[in-house]
Amino acid sequence: KMQAVQQLTDKQYHAQPLRRIYIPK
């Protein structure tokens, strides 16, 4: 968690694809 805080930045930010699942309604 602490390492994630230190790495969290908007510089050259590129989101990874989402993992799609389907749940019953």
PDBML (XML) file of the C-alpha atoms, coordinates in Angstrom:
<?xml version="1.0" encoding="UTF-8" ?>
<PDBx:datablock datablockName="MODEL"
   xmlns:PDBx="http://pdbml.pdb.org/schema/pdbx-v50.xsd"
   xmlns:xsi="http://www.w3.org/2001/XMLSchema-instance"
   xsi:schemaLocation="http://pdbml.pdb.org/schema/pdbx-v50.xsd pdbx-v50.xsd">
   <PDBx:atom_siteCategory>
      <PDBx:atom_site id="1">
         <PDBx:B_iso_or_equiv>0.00</PDBx:B_iso_or_equiv>
         <PDBx:Cartn_x>0.000</PDBx:Cartn_x>
         <PDBx:Cartn_y>0.000</PDBx:Cartn_y>
         <PDBx:Cartn_z>0.000</PDBx:Cartn_z>
         <PDBx:auth_asym_id>A</PDBx:auth_asym_id>
         <PDBx:auth_atom_id>CA</PDBx:auth_atom_id>
         <PDBx:auth_comp_id>LYS</PDBx:auth_comp_id>
         <PDBx:auth_seq_id>1</PDBx:auth_seq_id>
         <PDBx:group_PDB>ATOM</PDBx:group_PDB>
         <PDBx:label_alt_id xsi:nil="true" />
         <PDBx:label_asym_id>A</PDBx:label_asym_id>
         <PDBx:label_atom_id>CA</PDBx:label_atom_id>
         <PDBx:label_comp_id>LYS</PDBx:label_comp_id>
         <PDBx:label_entity_id>1</PDBx:label_entity_id>
         <PDBx:label_seq_id>1</PDBx:label_seq_id>
         <PDBx:occupancy>1.00</PDBx:occupancy>
         <PDBx:pdbx_PDB_model_num>1</PDBx:pdbx_PDB_model_num>
         <PDBx:type_symbol>C</PDBx:type_symbol>
      </PDBx:atom_site>
      <PDBx:atom_site id="2">
         <PDBx:B_iso_or_equiv>0.00</PDBx:B_iso_or_equiv>
         <PDBx:Cartn_x>2.784</PDBx:Cartn_x>
         <PDBx:Cartn_y>2.411</PDBx:Cartn_y>
         <PDBx:Cartn_z>0.870</PDBx:Cartn_z>
         <PDBx:auth_asym_id>A</PDBx:auth_asym_id>
         <PDBx:auth_atom_id>CA</PDBx:auth_atom_id>
         <PDBx:auth_comp_id>MET</PDBx:auth_comp_id>
         <PDBx:auth_seq_id>2</PDBx:auth_seq_id>
         <PDBx:group_PDB>ATOM</PDBx:group_PDB>
         <PDBx:label_alt_id xsi:nil="true" />
         <PDBx:label_asym_id>A</PDBx:label_asym_id>
         <PDBx:label_atom_id>CA</PDBx:label_atom_id>
         <PDBx:label_comp_id>MET</PDBx:label_comp_id>
         <PDBx:label_entity_id>1</PDBx:label_entity_id>
         <PDBx:label_seq_id>2</PDBx:label_seq_id>
         <PDBx:occupancy>1.00</PDBx:occupancy>
         <PDBx:pdbx_PDB_model_num>1</PDBx:pdbx_PDB_model_num>
         <PDBx:type_symbol>C</PDBx:type_symbol>
      </PDBx:atom_site>
      <PDBx:atom_site id="3">
         <PDBx:B_iso_or_equiv>0.00</PDBx:B_iso_or_equiv>
         <PDBx:Cartn_x>4.642</PDBx:Cartn_x>
         <PDBx:Cartn_y>1.623</PDBx:Cartn_y>
         <PDBx:Cartn_z>-2.332</PDBx:Cartn_z>
         <PDBx:auth_asym_id>A</PDBx:auth_asym_id>
         <PDBx:auth_atom_id>CA</PDBx:auth_atom_id>
         <PDBx:auth_comp_id>GLN</PDBx:auth_comp_id>
         <PDBx:auth_seq_id>3</PDBx:auth_seq_id>
         <PDBx:group_PDB>ATOM</PDBx:group_PDB>
         <PDBx:label_alt_id xsi:nil="true" />
         <PDBx:label_asym_id>A</PDBx:label_asym_id>
         <PDBx:label_atom_id>CA</PDBx:label_atom_id>
         <PDBx:label_comp_id>GLN</PDBx:label_comp_id>
         <PDBx:label_entity_id>1</PDBx:label_entity_id>
         <PDBx:label_seq_id>3</PDBx:label_seq_id>
         <PDBx:occupancy>1.00</PDBx:occupancy>
         <PDBx:pdbx_PDB_model_num>1</PDBx:pdbx_PDB_model_num>
         <PDBx:type_symbol>C</PDBx:type_symbol>
      </PDBx:atom_site>
      <PDBx:atom_site id="4">
         <PDBx:B_iso_or_equiv>0.00</PDBx:B_iso_or_equiv>
         <PDBx:Cartn_x>1.429</PDBx:Cartn_x>
         <PDBx:Cartn_y>2.244</PDBx:Cartn_y>
         <PDBx:Cartn_z>-4.290</PDBx:Cartn_z>
         <PDBx:auth_asym_id>A</PDBx:auth_asym_id>
         <PDBx:auth_atom_id>CA</PDBx:auth_atom_id>
         <PDBx:auth_comp_id>ALA</PDBx:auth_comp_id>
         <PDBx:auth_seq_id>4</PDBx:auth_seq_id>
         <PDBx:group_PDB>ATOM</PDBx:group_PDB>
         <PDBx:label_alt_id xsi:nil="true" />
         <PDBx:label_asym_id>A</PDBx:label_asym_id>
         <PDBx:label_atom_id>CA</PDBx:label_atom_id>
         <PDBx:label_comp_id>ALA</PDBx:label_comp_id>
         <PDBx:label_entity_id>1</PDBx:label_entity_id>
         <PDBx:label_seq_id>4</PDBx:label_seq_id>
         <PDBx:occupancy>1.00</PDBx:occupancy>
         <PDBx:pdbx_PDB_model_num>1</PDBx:pdbx_PDB_model_num>
         <PDBx:type_symbol>C</PDBx:type_symbol>
      </PDBx:atom_site>
      <PDBx:atom_site id="5">
         <PDBx:B_iso_or_equiv>0.00</PDBx:B_iso_or_equiv>
         <PDBx:Cartn_x>1.097</PDBx:Cartn_x>
         <PDBx:Cartn_y>5.692</PDBx:Cartn_y>
         <PDBx:Cartn_z>-2.714</PDBx:Cartn_z>
         <PDBx:auth_asym_id>A</PDBx:auth_asym_id>
         <PDBx:auth_atom_id>CA</PDBx:auth_atom_id>
         <PDBx:auth_comp_id>VAL</PDBx:auth_comp_id>
         <PDBx:auth_seq_id>5</PDBx:auth_seq_id>
         <PDBx:group_PDB>ATOM</PDBx:group_PDB>
         <PDBx:label_alt_id xsi:nil="true" />
         <PDBx:label_asym_id>A</PDBx:label_asym_id>
         <PDBx:label_atom_id>CA</PDBx:label_atom_id>
         <PDBx:label_comp_id>VAL</PDBx:label_comp_id>
         <PDBx:label_entity_id>1</PDBx:label_entity_id>
         <PDBx:label_seq_id>5</PDBx:label_seq_id>
         <PDBx:occupancy>1.00</PDBx:occupancy>
         <PDBx:pdbx_PDB_model_num>1</PDBx:pdbx_PDB_model_num>
         <PDBx:type_symbol>C</PDBx:type_symbol>
      </PDBx:atom_site>
      <PDBx:atom_site id="6">
         <PDBx:B_iso_or_equiv>0.00</PDBx:B_iso_or_equiv>
         <PDBx:Cartn_x>4.620</PDBx:Cartn_x>
         <PDBx:Cartn_y>6.577</PDBx:Cartn_y>
         <PDBx:Cartn_z>-3.785</PDBx:Cartn_z>
         <PDBx:auth_asym_id>A</PDBx:auth_asym_id>
         <PDBx:auth_atom_id>CA</PDBx:auth_atom_id>
         <PDBx:auth_comp_id>GLN</PDBx:auth_comp_id>
         <PDBx:auth_seq_id>6</PDBx:auth_seq_id>
         <PDBx:group_PDB>ATOM</PDBx:group_PDB>
         <PDBx:label_alt_id xsi:nil="true" />
         <PDBx:label_asym_id>A</PDBx:label_asym_id>
         <PDBx:label_atom_id>CA</PDBx:label_atom_id>
         <PDBx:label_comp_id>GLN</PDBx:label_comp_id>
         <PDBx:label_entity_id>1</PDBx:label_entity_id>
         <PDBx:label_seq_id>6</PDBx:label_seq_id>
         <PDBx:occupancy>1.00</PDBx:occupancy>
         <PDBx:pdbx_PDB_model_num>1</PDBx:pdbx_PDB_model_num>
         <PDBx:type_symbol>C</PDBx:type_symbol>
      </PDBx:atom_site>
      <PDBx:atom_site id="7">
         <PDBx:B_iso_or_equiv>0.00</PDBx:B_iso_or_equiv>
         <PDBx:Cartn_x>3.977</PDBx:Cartn_x>
         <PDBx:Cartn_y>5.405</PDBx:Cartn_y>
         <PDBx:Cartn_z>-7.349</PDBx:Cartn_z>
         <PDBx:auth_asym_id>A</PDBx:auth_asym_id>
         <PDBx:auth_atom_id>CA</PDBx:auth_atom_id>
         <PDBx:auth_comp_id>GLN</PDBx:auth_comp_id>
         <PDBx:auth_seq_id>7</PDBx:auth_seq_id>
         <PDBx:group_PDB>ATOM</PDBx:group_PDB>
         <PDBx:label_alt_id xsi:nil="true" />
         <PDBx:label_asym_id>A</PDBx:label_asym_id>
         <PDBx:label_atom_id>CA</PDBx:label_atom_id>
         <PDBx:label_comp_id>GLN</PDBx:label_comp_id>
         <PDBx:label_entity_id>1</PDBx:label_entity_id>
         <PDBx:label_seq_id>7</PDBx:label_seq_id>
         <PDBx:occupancy>1.00</PDBx:occupancy>
         <PDBx:pdbx_PDB_model_num>1</PDBx:pdbx_PDB_model_num>
         <PDBx:type_symbol>C</PDBx:type_symbol>
      </PDBx:atom_site>
      <PDBx:atom_site id="8">
         <PDBx:B_iso_or_equiv>0.00</PDBx:B_iso_or_equiv>
         <PDBx:Cartn_x>0.573</PDBx:Cartn_x>
         <PDBx:Cartn_y>7.064</PDBx:Cartn_y>
         <PDBx:Cartn_z>-7.812</PDBx:Cartn_z>
         <PDBx:auth_asym_id>A</PDBx:auth_asym_id>
         <PDBx:auth_atom_id>CA</PDBx:auth_atom_id>
         <PDBx:auth_comp_id>LEU</PDBx:auth_comp_id>
         <PDBx:auth_seq_id>8</PDBx:auth_seq_id>
         <PDBx:group_PDB>ATOM</PDBx:group_PDB>
         <PDBx:label_alt_id xsi:nil="true" />
         <PDBx:label_asym_id>A</PDBx:label_asym_id>
         <PDBx:label_atom_id>CA</PDBx:label_atom_id>
         <PDBx:label_comp_id>LEU</PDBx:label_comp_id>
         <PDBx:label_entity_id>1</PDBx:label_entity_id>
         <PDBx:label_seq_id>8</PDBx:label_seq_id>
         <PDBx:occupancy>1.00</PDBx:occupancy>
         <PDBx:pdbx_PDB_model_num>1</PDBx:pdbx_PDB_model_num>
         <PDBx:type_symbol>C</PDBx:type_symbol>
      </PDBx:atom_site>
      <PDBx:atom_site id="9">
         <PDBx:B_iso_or_equiv>0.00</PDBx:B_iso_or_equiv>
         <PDBx:Cartn_x>0.974</PDBx:Cartn_x>
         <PDBx:Cartn_y>9.820</PDBx:Cartn_y>
         <PDBx:Cartn_z>-10.412</PDBx:Cartn_z>
         <PDBx:auth_asym_id>A</PDBx:auth_asym_id>
         <PDBx:auth_atom_id>CA</PDBx:auth_atom_id>
         <PDBx:auth_comp_id>THR</PDBx:auth_comp_id>
         <PDBx:auth_seq_id>9</PDBx:auth_seq_id>
         <PDBx:group_PDB>ATOM</PDBx:group_PDB>
         <PDBx:label_alt_id xsi:nil="true" />
         <PDBx:label_asym_id>A</PDBx:label_asym_id>
         <PDBx:label_atom_id>CA</PDBx:label_atom_id>
         <PDBx:label_comp_id>THR</PDBx:label_comp_id>
         <PDBx:label_entity_id>1</PDBx:label_entity_id>
         <PDBx:label_seq_id>9</PDBx:label_seq_id>
         <PDBx:occupancy>1.00</PDBx:occupancy>
         <PDBx:pdbx_PDB_model_num>1</PDBx:pdbx_PDB_model_num>
         <PDBx:type_symbol>C</PDBx:type_symbol>
      </PDBx:atom_site>
      <PDBx:atom_site id="10">
         <PDBx:B_iso_or_equiv>0.00</PDBx:B_iso_or_equiv>
         <PDBx:Cartn_x>-0.711</PDBx:Cartn_x>
         <PDBx:Cartn_y>11.324</PDBx:Cartn_y>
         <PDBx:Cartn_z>-13.463</PDBx:Cartn_z>
         <PDBx:auth_asym_id>A</PDBx:auth_asym_id>
         <PDBx:auth_atom_id>CA</PDBx:auth_atom_id>
         <PDBx:auth_comp_id>ASP</PDBx:auth_comp_id>
         <PDBx:auth_seq_id>10</PDBx:auth_seq_id>
         <PDBx:group_PDB>ATOM</PDBx:group_PDB>
         <PDBx:label_alt_id xsi:nil="true" />
         <PDBx:label_asym_id>A</PDBx:label_asym_id>
         <PDBx:label_atom_id>CA</PDBx:label_atom_id>
         <PDBx:label_comp_id>ASP</PDBx:label_comp_id>
         <PDBx:label_entity_id>1</PDBx:label_entity_id>
         <PDBx:label_seq_id>10</PDBx:label_seq_id>
         <PDBx:occupancy>1.00</PDBx:occupancy>
         <PDBx:pdbx_PDB_model_num>1</PDBx:pdbx_PDB_model_num>
         <PDBx:type_symbol>C</PDBx:type_symbol>
      </PDBx:atom_site>
      <PDBx:atom_site id="11">
         <PDBx:B_iso_or_equiv>0.00</PDBx:B_iso_or_equiv>
         <PDBx:Cartn_x>2.578</PDBx:Cartn_x>
         <PDBx:Cartn_y>11.600</PDBx:Cartn_y>
         <PDBx:Cartn_z>-15.344</PDBx:Cartn_z>
         <PDBx:auth_asym_id>A</PDBx:auth_asym_id>
         <PDBx:auth_atom_id>CA</PDBx:auth_atom_id>
         <PDBx:auth_comp_id>LYS</PDBx:auth_comp_id>
         <PDBx:auth_seq_id>11</PDBx:auth_seq_id>
         <PDBx:group_PDB>ATOM</PDBx:group_PDB>
         <PDBx:label_alt_id xsi:nil="true" />
         <PDBx:label_asym_id>A</PDBx:label_asym_id>
         <PDBx:label_atom_id>CA</PDBx:label_atom_id>
         <PDBx:label_comp_id>LYS</PDBx:label_comp_id>
         <PDBx:label_entity_id>1</PDBx:label_entity_id>
         <PDBx:label_seq_id>11</PDBx:label_seq_id>
         <PDBx:occupancy>1.00</PDBx:occupancy>
         <PDBx:pdbx_PDB_model_num>1</PDBx:pdbx_PDB_model_num>
         <PDBx:type_symbol>C</PDBx:type_symbol>
      </PDBx:atom_site>
      <PDBx:atom_site id="12">
         <PDBx:B_iso_or_equiv>0.00</PDBx:B_iso_or_equiv>
         <PDBx:Cartn_x>2.359</PDBx:Cartn_x>
         <PDBx:Cartn_y>9.457</PDBx:Cartn_y>
         <PDBx:Cartn_z>-18.495</PDBx:Cartn_z>
         <PDBx:auth_asym_id>A</PDBx:auth_asym_id>
         <PDBx:auth_atom_id>CA</PDBx:auth_atom_id>
         <PDBx:auth_comp_id>GLN</PDBx:auth_comp_id>
         <PDBx:auth_seq_id>12</PDBx:auth_seq_id>
         <PDBx:group_PDB>ATOM</PDBx:group_PDB>
         <PDBx:label_alt_id xsi:nil="true" />
         <PDBx:label_asym_id>A</PDBx:label_asym_id>
         <PDBx:label_atom_id>CA</PDBx:label_atom_id>
         <PDBx:label_comp_id>GLN</PDBx:label_comp_id>
         <PDBx:label_entity_id>1</PDBx:label_entity_id>
         <PDBx:label_seq_id>12</PDBx:label_seq_id>
         <PDBx:occupancy>1.00</PDBx:occupancy>
         <PDBx:pdbx_PDB_model_num>1</PDBx:pdbx_PDB_model_num>
         <PDBx:type_symbol>C</PDBx:type_symbol>
      </PDBx:atom_site>
      <PDBx:atom_site id="13">
         <PDBx:B_iso_or_equiv>0.00</PDBx:B_iso_or_equiv>
         <PDBx:Cartn_x>-0.649</PDBx:Cartn_x>
         <PDBx:Cartn_y>7.730</PDBx:Cartn_y>
         <PDBx:Cartn_z>-16.951</PDBx:Cartn_z>
         <PDBx:auth_asym_id>A</PDBx:auth_asym_id>
         <PDBx:auth_atom_id>CA</PDBx:auth_atom_id>
         <PDBx:auth_comp_id>TYR</PDBx:auth_comp_id>
         <PDBx:auth_seq_id>13</PDBx:auth_seq_id>
         <PDBx:group_PDB>ATOM</PDBx:group_PDB>
         <PDBx:label_alt_id xsi:nil="true" />
         <PDBx:label_asym_id>A</PDBx:label_asym_id>
         <PDBx:label_atom_id>CA</PDBx:label_atom_id>
         <PDBx:label_comp_id>TYR</PDBx:label_comp_id>
         <PDBx:label_entity_id>1</PDBx:label_entity_id>
         <PDBx:label_seq_id>13</PDBx:label_seq_id>
         <PDBx:occupancy>1.00</PDBx:occupancy>
         <PDBx:pdbx_PDB_model_num>1</PDBx:pdbx_PDB_model_num>
         <PDBx:type_symbol>C</PDBx:type_symbol>
      </PDBx:atom_site>
      <PDBx:atom_site id="14">
         <PDBx:B_iso_or_equiv>0.00</PDBx:B_iso_or_equiv>
         <PDBx:Cartn_x>-2.092</PDBx:Cartn_x>
         <PDBx:Cartn_y>4.977</PDBx:Cartn_y>
         <PDBx:Cartn_z>-19.119</PDBx:Cartn_z>
         <PDBx:auth_asym_id>A</PDBx:auth_asym_id>
         <PDBx:auth_atom_id>CA</PDBx:auth_atom_id>
         <PDBx:auth_comp_id>HIS</PDBx:auth_comp_id>
         <PDBx:auth_seq_id>14</PDBx:auth_seq_id>
         <PDBx:group_PDB>ATOM</PDBx:group_PDB>
         <PDBx:label_alt_id xsi:nil="true" />
         <PDBx:label_asym_id>A</PDBx:label_asym_id>
         <PDBx:label_atom_id>CA</PDBx:label_atom_id>
         <PDBx:label_comp_id>HIS</PDBx:label_comp_id>
         <PDBx:label_entity_id>1</PDBx:label_entity_id>
         <PDBx:label_seq_id>14</PDBx:label_seq_id>
         <PDBx:occupancy>1.00</PDBx:occupancy>
         <PDBx:pdbx_PDB_model_num>1</PDBx:pdbx_PDB_model_num>
         <PDBx:type_symbol>C</PDBx:type_symbol>
      </PDBx:atom_site>
      <PDBx:atom_site id="15">
         <PDBx:B_iso_or_equiv>0.00</PDBx:B_iso_or_equiv>
         <PDBx:Cartn_x>-5.006</PDBx:Cartn_x>
         <PDBx:Cartn_y>2.927</PDBx:Cartn_y>
         <PDBx:Cartn_z>-17.786</PDBx:Cartn_z>
         <PDBx:auth_asym_id>A</PDBx:auth_asym_id>
         <PDBx:auth_atom_id>CA</PDBx:auth_atom_id>
         <PDBx:auth_comp_id>ALA</PDBx:auth_comp_id>
         <PDBx:auth_seq_id>15</PDBx:auth_seq_id>
         <PDBx:group_PDB>ATOM</PDBx:group_PDB>
         <PDBx:label_alt_id xsi:nil="true" />
         <PDBx:label_asym_id>A</PDBx:label_asym_id>
         <PDBx:label_atom_id>CA</PDBx:label_atom_id>
         <PDBx:label_comp_id>ALA</PDBx:label_comp_id>
         <PDBx:label_entity_id>1</PDBx:label_entity_id>
         <PDBx:label_seq_id>15</PDBx:label_seq_id>
         <PDBx:occupancy>1.00</PDBx:occupancy>
         <PDBx:pdbx_PDB_model_num>1</PDBx:pdbx_PDB_model_num>
         <PDBx:type_symbol>C</PDBx:type_symbol>
      </PDBx:atom_site>
      <PDBx:atom_site id="16">
         <PDBx:B_iso_or_equiv>0.00</PDBx:B_iso_or_equiv>
         <PDBx:Cartn_x>-4.933</PDBx:Cartn_x>
         <PDBx:Cartn_y>-0.812</PDBx:Cartn_y>
         <PDBx:Cartn_z>-18.362</PDBx:Cartn_z>
         <PDBx:auth_asym_id>A</PDBx:auth_asym_id>
         <PDBx:auth_atom_id>CA</PDBx:auth_atom_id>
         <PDBx:auth_comp_id>GLN</PDBx:auth_comp_id>
         <PDBx:auth_seq_id>16</PDBx:auth_seq_id>
         <PDBx:group_PDB>ATOM</PDBx:group_PDB>
         <PDBx:label_alt_id xsi:nil="true" />
         <PDBx:label_asym_id>A</PDBx:label_asym_id>
         <PDBx:label_atom_id>CA</PDBx:label_atom_id>
         <PDBx:label_comp_id>GLN</PDBx:label_comp_id>
         <PDBx:label_entity_id>1</PDBx:label_entity_id>
         <PDBx:label_seq_id>16</PDBx:label_seq_id>
         <PDBx:occupancy>1.00</PDBx:occupancy>
         <PDBx:pdbx_PDB_model_num>1</PDBx:pdbx_PDB_model_num>
         <PDBx:type_symbol>C</PDBx:type_symbol>
      </PDBx:atom_site>
      <PDBx:atom_site id="17">
         <PDBx:B_iso_or_equiv>0.00</PDBx:B_iso_or_equiv>
         <PDBx:Cartn_x>-7.969</PDBx:Cartn_x>
         <PDBx:Cartn_y>-2.566</PDBx:Cartn_y>
         <PDBx:Cartn_z>-19.890</PDBx:Cartn_z>
         <PDBx:auth_asym_id>A</PDBx:auth_asym_id>
         <PDBx:auth_atom_id>CA</PDBx:auth_atom_id>
         <PDBx:auth_comp_id>PRO</PDBx:auth_comp_id>
         <PDBx:auth_seq_id>17</PDBx:auth_seq_id>
         <PDBx:group_PDB>ATOM</PDBx:group_PDB>
         <PDBx:label_alt_id xsi:nil="true" />
         <PDBx:label_asym_id>A</PDBx:label_asym_id>
         <PDBx:label_atom_id>CA</PDBx:label_atom_id>
         <PDBx:label_comp_id>PRO</PDBx:label_comp_id>
         <PDBx:label_entity_id>1</PDBx:label_entity_id>
         <PDBx:label_seq_id>17</PDBx:label_seq_id>
         <PDBx:occupancy>1.00</PDBx:occupancy>
         <PDBx:pdbx_PDB_model_num>1</PDBx:pdbx_PDB_model_num>
         <PDBx:type_symbol>C</PDBx:type_symbol>
      </PDBx:atom_site>
      <PDBx:atom_site id="18">
         <PDBx:B_iso_or_equiv>0.00</PDBx:B_iso_or_equiv>
         <PDBx:Cartn_x>-10.776</PDBx:Cartn_x>
         <PDBx:Cartn_y>-3.560</PDBx:Cartn_y>
         <PDBx:Cartn_z>-17.546</PDBx:Cartn_z>
         <PDBx:auth_asym_id>A</PDBx:auth_asym_id>
         <PDBx:auth_atom_id>CA</PDBx:auth_atom_id>
         <PDBx:auth_comp_id>LEU</PDBx:auth_comp_id>
         <PDBx:auth_seq_id>18</PDBx:auth_seq_id>
         <PDBx:group_PDB>ATOM</PDBx:group_PDB>
         <PDBx:label_alt_id xsi:nil="true" />
         <PDBx:label_asym_id>A</PDBx:label_asym_id>
         <PDBx:label_atom_id>CA</PDBx:label_atom_id>
         <PDBx:label_comp_id>LEU</PDBx:label_comp_id>
         <PDBx:label_entity_id>1</PDBx:label_entity_id>
         <PDBx:label_seq_id>18</PDBx:label_seq_id>
         <PDBx:occupancy>1.00</PDBx:occupancy>
         <PDBx:pdbx_PDB_model_num>1</PDBx:pdbx_PDB_model_num>
         <PDBx:type_symbol>C</PDBx:type_symbol>
      </PDBx:atom_site>
      <PDBx:atom_site id="19">
         <PDBx:B_iso_or_equiv>0.00</PDBx:B_iso_or_equiv>
         <PDBx:Cartn_x>-11.516</PDBx:Cartn_x>
         <PDBx:Cartn_y>-7.180</PDBx:Cartn_y>
         <PDBx:Cartn_z>-16.668</PDBx:Cartn_z>
         <PDBx:auth_asym_id>A</PDBx:auth_asym_id>
         <PDBx:auth_atom_id>CA</PDBx:auth_atom_id>
         <PDBx:auth_comp_id>ARG</PDBx:auth_comp_id>
         <PDBx:auth_seq_id>19</PDBx:auth_seq_id>
         <PDBx:group_PDB>ATOM</PDBx:group_PDB>
         <PDBx:label_alt_id xsi:nil="true" />
         <PDBx:label_asym_id>A</PDBx:label_asym_id>
         <PDBx:label_atom_id>CA</PDBx:label_atom_id>
         <PDBx:label_comp_id>ARG</PDBx:label_comp_id>
         <PDBx:label_entity_id>1</PDBx:label_entity_id>
         <PDBx:label_seq_id>19</PDBx:label_seq_id>
         <PDBx:occupancy>1.00</PDBx:occupancy>
         <PDBx:pdbx_PDB_model_num>1</PDBx:pdbx_PDB_model_num>
         <PDBx:type_symbol>C</PDBx:type_symbol>
      </PDBx:atom_site>
      <PDBx:atom_site id="20">
         <PDBx:B_iso_or_equiv>0.00</PDBx:B_iso_or_equiv>
         <PDBx:Cartn_x>-15.100</PDBx:Cartn_x>
         <PDBx:Cartn_y>-7.900</PDBx:Cartn_y>
         <PDBx:Cartn_z>-17.763</PDBx:Cartn_z>
         <PDBx:auth_asym_id>A</PDBx:auth_asym_id>
         <PDBx:auth_atom_id>CA</PDBx:auth_atom_id>
         <PDBx:auth_comp_id>ARG</PDBx:auth_comp_id>
         <PDBx:auth_seq_id>20</PDBx:auth_seq_id>
         <PDBx:group_PDB>ATOM</PDBx:group_PDB>
         <PDBx:label_alt_id xsi:nil="true" />
         <PDBx:label_asym_id>A</PDBx:label_asym_id>
         <PDBx:label_atom_id>CA</PDBx:label_atom_id>
         <PDBx:label_comp_id>ARG</PDBx:label_comp_id>
         <PDBx:label_entity_id>1</PDBx:label_entity_id>
         <PDBx:label_seq_id>20</PDBx:label_seq_id>
         <PDBx:occupancy>1.00</PDBx:occupancy>
         <PDBx:pdbx_PDB_model_num>1</PDBx:pdbx_PDB_model_num>
         <PDBx:type_symbol>C</PDBx:type_symbol>
      </PDBx:atom_site>
      <PDBx:atom_site id="21">
         <PDBx:B_iso_or_equiv>0.00</PDBx:B_iso_or_equiv>
         <PDBx:Cartn_x>-17.312</PDBx:Cartn_x>
         <PDBx:Cartn_y>-10.315</PDBx:Cartn_y>
         <PDBx:Cartn_z>-15.841</PDBx:Cartn_z>
         <PDBx:auth_asym_id>A</PDBx:auth_asym_id>
         <PDBx:auth_atom_id>CA</PDBx:auth_atom_id>
         <PDBx:auth_comp_id>ILE</PDBx:auth_comp_id>
         <PDBx:auth_seq_id>21</PDBx:auth_seq_id>
         <PDBx:group_PDB>ATOM</PDBx:group_PDB>
         <PDBx:label_alt_id xsi:nil="true" />
         <PDBx:label_asym_id>A</PDBx:label_asym_id>
         <PDBx:label_atom_id>CA</PDBx:label_atom_id>
         <PDBx:label_comp_id>ILE</PDBx:label_comp_id>
         <PDBx:label_entity_id>1</PDBx:label_entity_id>
         <PDBx:label_seq_id>21</PDBx:label_seq_id>
         <PDBx:occupancy>1.00</PDBx:occupancy>
         <PDBx:pdbx_PDB_model_num>1</PDBx:pdbx_PDB_model_num>
         <PDBx:type_symbol>C</PDBx:type_symbol>
      </PDBx:atom_site>
      <PDBx:atom_site id="22">
         <PDBx:B_iso_or_equiv>0.00</PDBx:B_iso_or_equiv>
         <PDBx:Cartn_x>-21.078</PDBx:Cartn_x>
         <PDBx:Cartn_y>-10.837</PDBx:Cartn_y>
         <PDBx:Cartn_z>-15.923</PDBx:Cartn_z>
         <PDBx:auth_asym_id>A</PDBx:auth_asym_id>
         <PDBx:auth_atom_id>CA</PDBx:auth_atom_id>
         <PDBx:auth_comp_id>TYR</PDBx:auth_comp_id>
         <PDBx:auth_seq_id>22</PDBx:auth_seq_id>
         <PDBx:group_PDB>ATOM</PDBx:group_PDB>
         <PDBx:label_alt_id xsi:nil="true" />
         <PDBx:label_asym_id>A</PDBx:label_asym_id>
         <PDBx:label_atom_id>CA</PDBx:label_atom_id>
         <PDBx:label_comp_id>TYR</PDBx:label_comp_id>
         <PDBx:label_entity_id>1</PDBx:label_entity_id>
         <PDBx:label_seq_id>22</PDBx:label_seq_id>
         <PDBx:occupancy>1.00</PDBx:occupancy>
         <PDBx:pdbx_PDB_model_num>1</PDBx:pdbx_PDB_model_num>
         <PDBx:type_symbol>C</PDBx:type_symbol>
      </PDBx:atom_site>
      <PDBx:atom_site id="23">
         <PDBx:B_iso_or_equiv>0.00</PDBx:B_iso_or_equiv>
         <PDBx:Cartn_x>-23.240</PDBx:Cartn_x>
         <PDBx:Cartn_y>-11.234</PDBx:Cartn_y>
         <PDBx:Cartn_z>-12.818</PDBx:Cartn_z>
         <PDBx:auth_asym_id>A</PDBx:auth_asym_id>
         <PDBx:auth_atom_id>CA</PDBx:auth_atom_id>
         <PDBx:auth_comp_id>ILE</PDBx:auth_comp_id>
         <PDBx:auth_seq_id>23</PDBx:auth_seq_id>
         <PDBx:group_PDB>ATOM</PDBx:group_PDB>
         <PDBx:label_alt_id xsi:nil="true" />
         <PDBx:label_asym_id>A</PDBx:label_asym_id>
         <PDBx:label_atom_id>CA</PDBx:label_atom_id>
         <PDBx:label_comp_id>ILE</PDBx:label_comp_id>
         <PDBx:label_entity_id>1</PDBx:label_entity_id>
         <PDBx:label_seq_id>23</PDBx:label_seq_id>
         <PDBx:occupancy>1.00</PDBx:occupancy>
         <PDBx:pdbx_PDB_model_num>1</PDBx:pdbx_PDB_model_num>
         <PDBx:type_symbol>C</PDBx:type_symbol>
      </PDBx:atom_site>
      <PDBx:atom_site id="24">
         <PDBx:B_iso_or_equiv>0.00</PDBx:B_iso_or_equiv>
         <PDBx:Cartn_x>-26.945</PDBx:Cartn_x>
         <PDBx:Cartn_y>-12.214</PDBx:Cartn_y>
         <PDBx:Cartn_z>-12.669</PDBx:Cartn_z>
         <PDBx:auth_asym_id>A</PDBx:auth_asym_id>
         <PDBx:auth_atom_id>CA</PDBx:auth_atom_id>
         <PDBx:auth_comp_id>PRO</PDBx:auth_comp_id>
         <PDBx:auth_seq_id>24</PDBx:auth_seq_id>
         <PDBx:group_PDB>ATOM</PDBx:group_PDB>
         <PDBx:label_alt_id xsi:nil="true" />
         <PDBx:label_asym_id>A</PDBx:label_asym_id>
         <PDBx:label_atom_id>CA</PDBx:label_atom_id>
         <PDBx:label_comp_id>PRO</PDBx:label_comp_id>
         <PDBx:label_entity_id>1</PDBx:label_entity_id>
         <PDBx:label_seq_id>24</PDBx:label_seq_id>
         <PDBx:occupancy>1.00</PDBx:occupancy>
         <PDBx:pdbx_PDB_model_num>1</PDBx:pdbx_PDB_model_num>
         <PDBx:type_symbol>C</PDBx:type_symbol>
      </PDBx:atom_site>
      <PDBx:atom_site id="25">
         <PDBx:B_iso_or_equiv>0.00</PDBx:B_iso_or_equiv>
         <PDBx:Cartn_x>-29.539</PDBx:Cartn_x>
         <PDBx:Cartn_y>-9.467</PDBx:Cartn_y>
         <PDBx:Cartn_z>-12.266</PDBx:Cartn_z>
         <PDBx:auth_asym_id>A</PDBx:auth_asym_id>
         <PDBx:auth_atom_id>CA</PDBx:auth_atom_id>
         <PDBx:auth_comp_id>LYS</PDBx:auth_comp_id>
         <PDBx:auth_seq_id>25</PDBx:auth_seq_id>
         <PDBx:group_PDB>ATOM</PDBx:group_PDB>
         <PDBx:label_alt_id xsi:nil="true" />
         <PDBx:label_asym_id>A</PDBx:label_asym_id>
         <PDBx:label_atom_id>CA</PDBx:label_atom_id>
         <PDBx:label_comp_id>LYS</PDBx:label_comp_id>
         <PDBx:label_entity_id>1</PDBx:label_entity_id>
         <PDBx:label_seq_id>25</PDBx:label_seq_id>
         <PDBx:occupancy>1.00</PDBx:occupancy>
         <PDBx:pdbx_PDB_model_num>1</PDBx:pdbx_PDB_model_num>
         <PDBx:type_symbol>C</PDBx:type_symbol>
      </PDBx:atom_site>
   </PDBx:atom_siteCategory>
</PDBx:datablock>
